[in-house]
Amino acid sequence: MIESININSVLAVTTAALLVFVSGGVLYLSTVEWRDRRRRQQPVQSSARARK
């Protein structure tokens, strides 16, 4: 069974997994940065009213 799995198959699966992992990380960081930018651009007065 192990002989049927050659190095090219292992490399292809590893490459696909890394591609999905890195793409997910980039998507996550982009979303967090977008939400943070939106939060920073809100007027200061609205957050001061929310604290009162």
PDB file of N, CA and C in Angstrom:
ATOM      1  N   MET A   1       0.832  -1.199   0.000  1.00  0.00           N
ATOM      2  CA  MET A   1       0.000   0.000   0.000  1.00  0.00           C
ATOM      3  C   MET A   1       0.868   1.251   0.000  1.00  0.00           C
ATOM      4  N   ILE A   2       1.918   1.263   0.815  1.00  0.00           N
ATOM      5  CA  ILE A   2       2.774   2.446   0.889  1.00  0.00           C
ATOM      6  C   ILE A   2       3.530   2.649  -0.418  1.00  0.00           C
ATOM      7  N   GLU A   3       3.847   1.558  -1.123  1.00  0.00           N
ATOM      8  CA  GLU A   3       4.564   1.703  -2.385  1.00  0.00           C
ATOM      9  C   GLU A   3       3.733   2.432  -3.440  1.00  0.00           C
ATOM     10  N   SER A   4       2.400   2.345  -3.319  1.00  0.00           N
ATOM     11  CA  SER A   4       1.544   2.994  -4.307  1.00  0.00           C
ATOM     12  C   SER A   4       1.511   4.515  -4.137  1.00  0.00           C
ATOM     13  N   ILE A   5       1.883   4.987  -2.962  1.00  0.00           N
ATOM     14  CA  ILE A   5       1.932   6.433  -2.722  1.00  0.00           C
ATOM     15  C   ILE A   5       3.343   6.905  -3.043  1.00  0.00           C
ATOM     16  N   ASN A   6       3.476   7.624  -4.138  1.00  0.00           N
ATOM     17  CA  ASN A   6       4.803   8.088  -4.513  1.00  0.00           C
ATOM     18  C   ASN A   6       5.035   9.516  -4.026  1.00  0.00           C
ATOM     19  N   ILE A   7       6.239   9.981  -4.184  1.00  0.00           N
ATOM     20  CA  ILE A   7       6.634  11.295  -3.665  1.00  0.00           C
ATOM     21  C   ILE A   7       5.858  12.433  -4.321  1.00  0.00           C
ATOM     22  N   ASN A   8       5.489  12.273  -5.593  1.00  0.00           N
ATOM     23  CA  ASN A   8       4.739  13.328  -6.271  1.00  0.00           C
ATOM     24  C   ASN A   8       3.356  13.507  -5.657  1.00  0.00           C
ATOM     25  N   SER A   9       2.722  12.429  -5.270  1.00  0.00           N
ATOM     26  CA  SER A   9       1.410  12.522  -4.638  1.00  0.00           C
ATOM     27  C   SER A   9       1.509  13.199  -3.279  1.00  0.00           C
ATOM     28  N   VAL A  10       2.524  12.854  -2.529  1.00  0.00           N
ATOM     29  CA  VAL A  10       2.714  13.473  -1.213  1.00  0.00           C
ATOM     30  C   VAL A  10       2.983  14.962  -1.366  1.00  0.00           C
ATOM     31  N   LEU A  11       3.820  15.332  -2.320  1.00  0.00           N
ATOM     32  CA  LEU A  11       4.102  16.749  -2.552  1.00  0.00           C
ATOM     33  C   LEU A  11       2.866  17.506  -3.028  1.00  0.00           C
ATOM     34  N   ALA A  12       2.060  16.882  -3.861  1.00  0.00           N
ATOM     35  CA  ALA A  12       0.852  17.542  -4.358  1.00  0.00           C
ATOM     36  C   ALA A  12      -0.146  17.791  -3.220  1.00  0.00           C
ATOM     37  N   VAL A  13      -0.322  16.817  -2.359  1.00  0.00           N
ATOM     38  CA  VAL A  13      -1.245  16.983  -1.231  1.00  0.00           C
ATOM     39  C   VAL A  13      -0.717  18.037  -0.261  1.00  0.00           C
ATOM     40  N   THR A  14       0.578  18.007   0.006  1.00  0.00           N
ATOM     41  CA  THR A  14       1.185  18.994   0.905  1.00  0.00           C
ATOM     42  C   THR A  14       1.058  20.406   0.336  1.00  0.00           C
ATOM     43  N   THR A  15       1.287  20.531  -0.958  1.00  0.00           N
ATOM     44  CA  THR A  15       1.172  21.836  -1.612  1.00  0.00           C
ATOM     45  C   THR A  15      -0.256  22.360  -1.539  1.00  0.00           C
ATOM     46  N   ALA A  16      -1.222  21.504  -1.797  1.00  0.00           N
ATOM     47  CA  ALA A  16      -2.629  21.923  -1.736  1.00  0.00           C
ATOM     48  C   ALA A  16      -3.014  22.333  -0.319  1.00  0.00           C
ATOM     49  N   ALA A  17      -2.559  21.589   0.672  1.00  0.00           N
ATOM     50  CA  ALA A  17      -2.878  21.921   2.064  1.00  0.00           C
ATOM     51  C   ALA A  17      -2.260  23.263   2.459  1.00  0.00           C
ATOM     52  N   LEU A  18      -1.017  23.488   2.065  1.00  0.00           N
ATOM     53  CA  LEU A  18      -0.376  24.769   2.369  1.00  0.00           C
ATOM     54  C   LEU A  18      -1.065  25.929   1.663  1.00  0.00           C
ATOM     55  N   LEU A  19      -1.495  25.708   0.439  1.00  0.00           N
ATOM     56  CA  LEU A  19      -2.197  26.753  -0.300  1.00  0.00           C
ATOM     57  C   LEU A  19      -3.496  27.142   0.400  1.00  0.00           C
ATOM     58  N   VAL A  20      -4.243  26.150   0.842  1.00  0.00           N
ATOM     59  CA  VAL A  20      -5.499  26.420   1.560  1.00  0.00           C
ATOM     60  C   VAL A  20      -5.211  27.122   2.884  1.00  0.00           C
ATOM     61  N   PHE A  21      -4.191  26.683   3.611  1.00  0.00           N
ATOM     62  CA  PHE A  21      -3.844  27.276   4.897  1.00  0.00           C
ATOM     63  C   PHE A  21      -3.424  28.737   4.741  1.00  0.00           C
ATOM     64  N   VAL A  22      -2.555  29.019   3.794  1.00  0.00           N
ATOM     65  CA  VAL A  22      -2.083  30.394   3.587  1.00  0.00           C
ATOM     66  C   VAL A  22      -3.211  31.286   3.081  1.00  0.00           C
ATOM     67  N   SER A  23      -4.038  30.781   2.177  1.00  0.00           N
ATOM     68  CA  SER A  23      -5.162  31.575   1.671  1.00  0.00           C
ATOM     69  C   SER A  23      -6.143  31.901   2.793  1.00  0.00           C
ATOM     70  N   GLY A  24      -6.410  30.940   3.653  1.00  0.00           N
ATOM     71  CA  GLY A  24      -7.293  31.187   4.798  1.00  0.00           C
ATOM     72  C   GLY A  24      -6.709  32.217   5.742  1.00  0.00           C
ATOM     73  N   GLY A  25      -5.414  32.164   5.967  1.00  0.00           N
ATOM     74  CA  GLY A  25      -4.764  33.149   6.828  1.00  0.00           C
ATOM     75  C   GLY A  25      -4.829  34.552   6.252  1.00  0.00           C
ATOM     76  N   VAL A  26      -4.600  34.669   4.963  1.00  0.00           N
ATOM     77  CA  VAL A  26      -4.681  35.979   4.311  1.00  0.00           C
ATOM     78  C   VAL A  26      -6.107  36.519   4.378  1.00  0.00           C
ATOM     79  N   LEU A  27      -7.088  35.663   4.145  1.00  0.00           N
ATOM     80  CA  LEU A  27      -8.489  36.085   4.238  1.00  0.00           C
ATOM     81  C   LEU A  27      -8.834  36.531   5.647  1.00  0.00           C
ATOM     82  N   TYR A  28      -8.389  35.779   6.650  1.00  0.00           N
ATOM     83  CA  TYR A  28      -8.662  36.135   8.043  1.00  0.00           C
ATOM     84  C   TYR A  28      -8.031  37.480   8.395  1.00  0.00           C
ATOM     85  N   LEU A  29      -6.754  37.667   8.056  1.00  0.00           N
ATOM     86  CA  LEU A  29      -6.081  38.923   8.384  1.00  0.00           C
ATOM     87  C   LEU A  29      -6.684  40.104   7.631  1.00  0.00           C
ATOM     88  N   SER A  30      -7.111  39.897   6.404  1.00  0.00           N
ATOM     89  CA  SER A  30      -7.744  40.971   5.642  1.00  0.00           C
ATOM     90  C   SER A  30      -9.070  41.375   6.280  1.00  0.00           C
ATOM     91  N   THR A  31      -9.834  40.398   6.741  1.00  0.00           N
ATOM     92  CA  THR A  31     -11.114  40.682   7.382  1.00  0.00           C
ATOM     93  C   THR A  31     -10.916  41.429   8.694  1.00  0.00           C
ATOM     94  N   VAL A  32      -9.949  41.005   9.492  1.00  0.00           N
ATOM     95  CA  VAL A  32      -9.682  41.677  10.762  1.00  0.00           C
ATOM     96  C   VAL A  32      -9.234  43.112  10.520  1.00  0.00           C
ATOM     97  N   GLU A  33      -8.377  43.323   9.541  1.00  0.00           N
ATOM     98  CA  GLU A  33      -7.901  44.674   9.242  1.00  0.00           C
ATOM     99  C   GLU A  33      -9.038  45.555   8.736  1.00  0.00           C
ATOM    100  N   TRP A  34      -9.931  44.993   7.923  1.00  0.00           N
ATOM    101  CA  TRP A  34     -11.058  45.750   7.397  1.00  0.00           C
ATOM    102  C   TRP A  34     -11.994  46.173   8.528  1.00  0.00           C
ATOM    103  N   ARG A  35     -12.285  45.231   9.452  1.00  0.00           N
ATOM    104  CA  ARG A  35     -13.153  45.566  10.586  1.00  0.00           C
ATOM    105  C   ARG A  35     -12.504  46.614  11.484  1.00  0.00           C
ATOM    106  N   ASP A  36     -11.191  46.514  11.695  1.00  0.00           N
ATOM    107  CA  ASP A  36     -10.489  47.482  12.532  1.00  0.00           C
ATOM    108  C   ASP A  36     -10.491  48.858  11.885  1.00  0.00           C
ATOM    109  N   ARG A  37     -10.296  48.900  10.564  1.00  0.00           N
ATOM    110  CA  ARG A  37     -10.313  50.183   9.858  1.00  0.00           C
ATOM    111  C   ARG A  37     -11.686  50.835   9.943  1.00  0.00           C
ATOM    112  N   ARG A  38     -12.752  50.021   9.808  1.00  0.00           N
ATOM    113  CA  ARG A  38     -14.111  50.558   9.946  1.00  0.00           C
ATOM    114  C   ARG A  38     -14.336  51.116  11.345  1.00  0.00           C
ATOM    115  N   ARG A  39     -13.852  50.403  12.362  1.00  0.00           N
ATOM    116  CA  ARG A  39     -14.042  50.841  13.740  1.00  0.00           C
ATOM    117  C   ARG A  39     -13.289  52.147  14.005  1.00  0.00           C
ATOM    118  N   ARG A  40     -12.079  52.292  13.455  1.00  0.00           N
ATOM    119  CA  ARG A  40     -11.296  53.504  13.667  1.00  0.00           C
ATOM    120  C   ARG A  40     -11.882  54.703  12.936  1.00  0.00           C
ATOM    121  N   GLN A  41     -12.622  54.480  11.846  1.00  0.00           N
ATOM    122  CA  GLN A  41     -13.163  55.588  11.071  1.00  0.00           C
ATOM    123  C   GLN A  41     -14.494  56.096  11.615  1.00  0.00           C
ATOM    124  N   GLN A  42     -15.061  55.437  12.606  1.00  0.00           N
ATOM    125  CA  GLN A  42     -16.313  55.910  13.188  1.00  0.00           C
ATOM    126  C   GLN A  42     -16.049  57.204  13.947  1.00  0.00           C
ATOM    127  N   PRO A  43     -17.022  58.091  13.967  1.00  0.00           N
ATOM    128  CA  PRO A  43     -16.835  59.353  14.688  1.00  0.00           C
ATOM    129  C   PRO A  43     -16.601  59.116  16.178  1.00  0.00           C
ATOM    130  N   VAL A  44     -15.764  59.957  16.759  1.00  0.00           N
ATOM    131  CA  VAL A  44     -15.432  59.823  18.176  1.00  0.00           C
ATOM    132  C   VAL A  44     -16.645  60.153  19.035  1.00  0.00           C
ATOM    133  N   GLN A  45     -17.491  61.068  18.591  1.00  0.00           N
ATOM    134  CA  GLN A  45     -18.648  61.481  19.376  1.00  0.00           C
ATOM    135  C   GLN A  45     -19.615  60.331  19.620  1.00  0.00           C
ATOM    136  N   SER A  46     -19.787  59.454  18.646  1.00  0.00           N
ATOM    137  CA  SER A  46     -20.728  58.354  18.824  1.00  0.00           C
ATOM    138  C   SER A  46     -20.249  57.394  19.905  1.00  0.00           C
ATOM    139  N   SER A  47     -18.935  57.174  20.016  1.00  0.00           N
ATOM    140  CA  SER A  47     -18.439  56.281  21.062  1.00  0.00           C
ATOM    141  C   SER A  47     -18.491  56.969  22.422  1.00  0.00           C
ATOM    142  N   ALA A  48     -18.362  58.297  22.459  1.00  0.00           N
ATOM    143  CA  ALA A  48     -18.464  59.012  23.728  1.00  0.00           C
ATOM    144  C   ALA A  48     -19.892  58.965  24.244  1.00  0.00           C
ATOM    145  N   ARG A  49     -20.866  59.011  23.353  1.00  0.00           N
ATOM    146  CA  ARG A  49     -22.272  58.916  23.770  1.00  0.00           C
ATOM    147  C   ARG A  49     -22.583  57.531  24.298  1.00  0.00           C
ATOM    148  N   ALA A  50     -21.980  56.529  23.720  1.00  0.00           N
ATOM    149  CA  ALA A  50     -22.254  55.155  24.145  1.00  0.00           C
ATOM    150  C   ALA A  50     -21.727  54.904  25.556  1.00  0.00           C
ATOM    151  N   ARG A  51     -20.695  55.613  25.967  1.00  0.00           N
ATOM    152  CA  ARG A  51     -20.129  55.425  27.307  1.00  0.00           C
ATOM    153  C   ARG A  51     -20.984  56.076  28.377  1.00  0.00           C
ATOM    154  N   LYS A  52     -21.740  57.116  28.035  1.00  0.00           N
ATOM    155  CA  LYS A  52     -22.531  57.859  29.053  1.00  0.00           C
ATOM    156  C   LYS A  52     -23.710  57.098  29.540  1.00  0.00           C
TER     157      LYS A  52
END
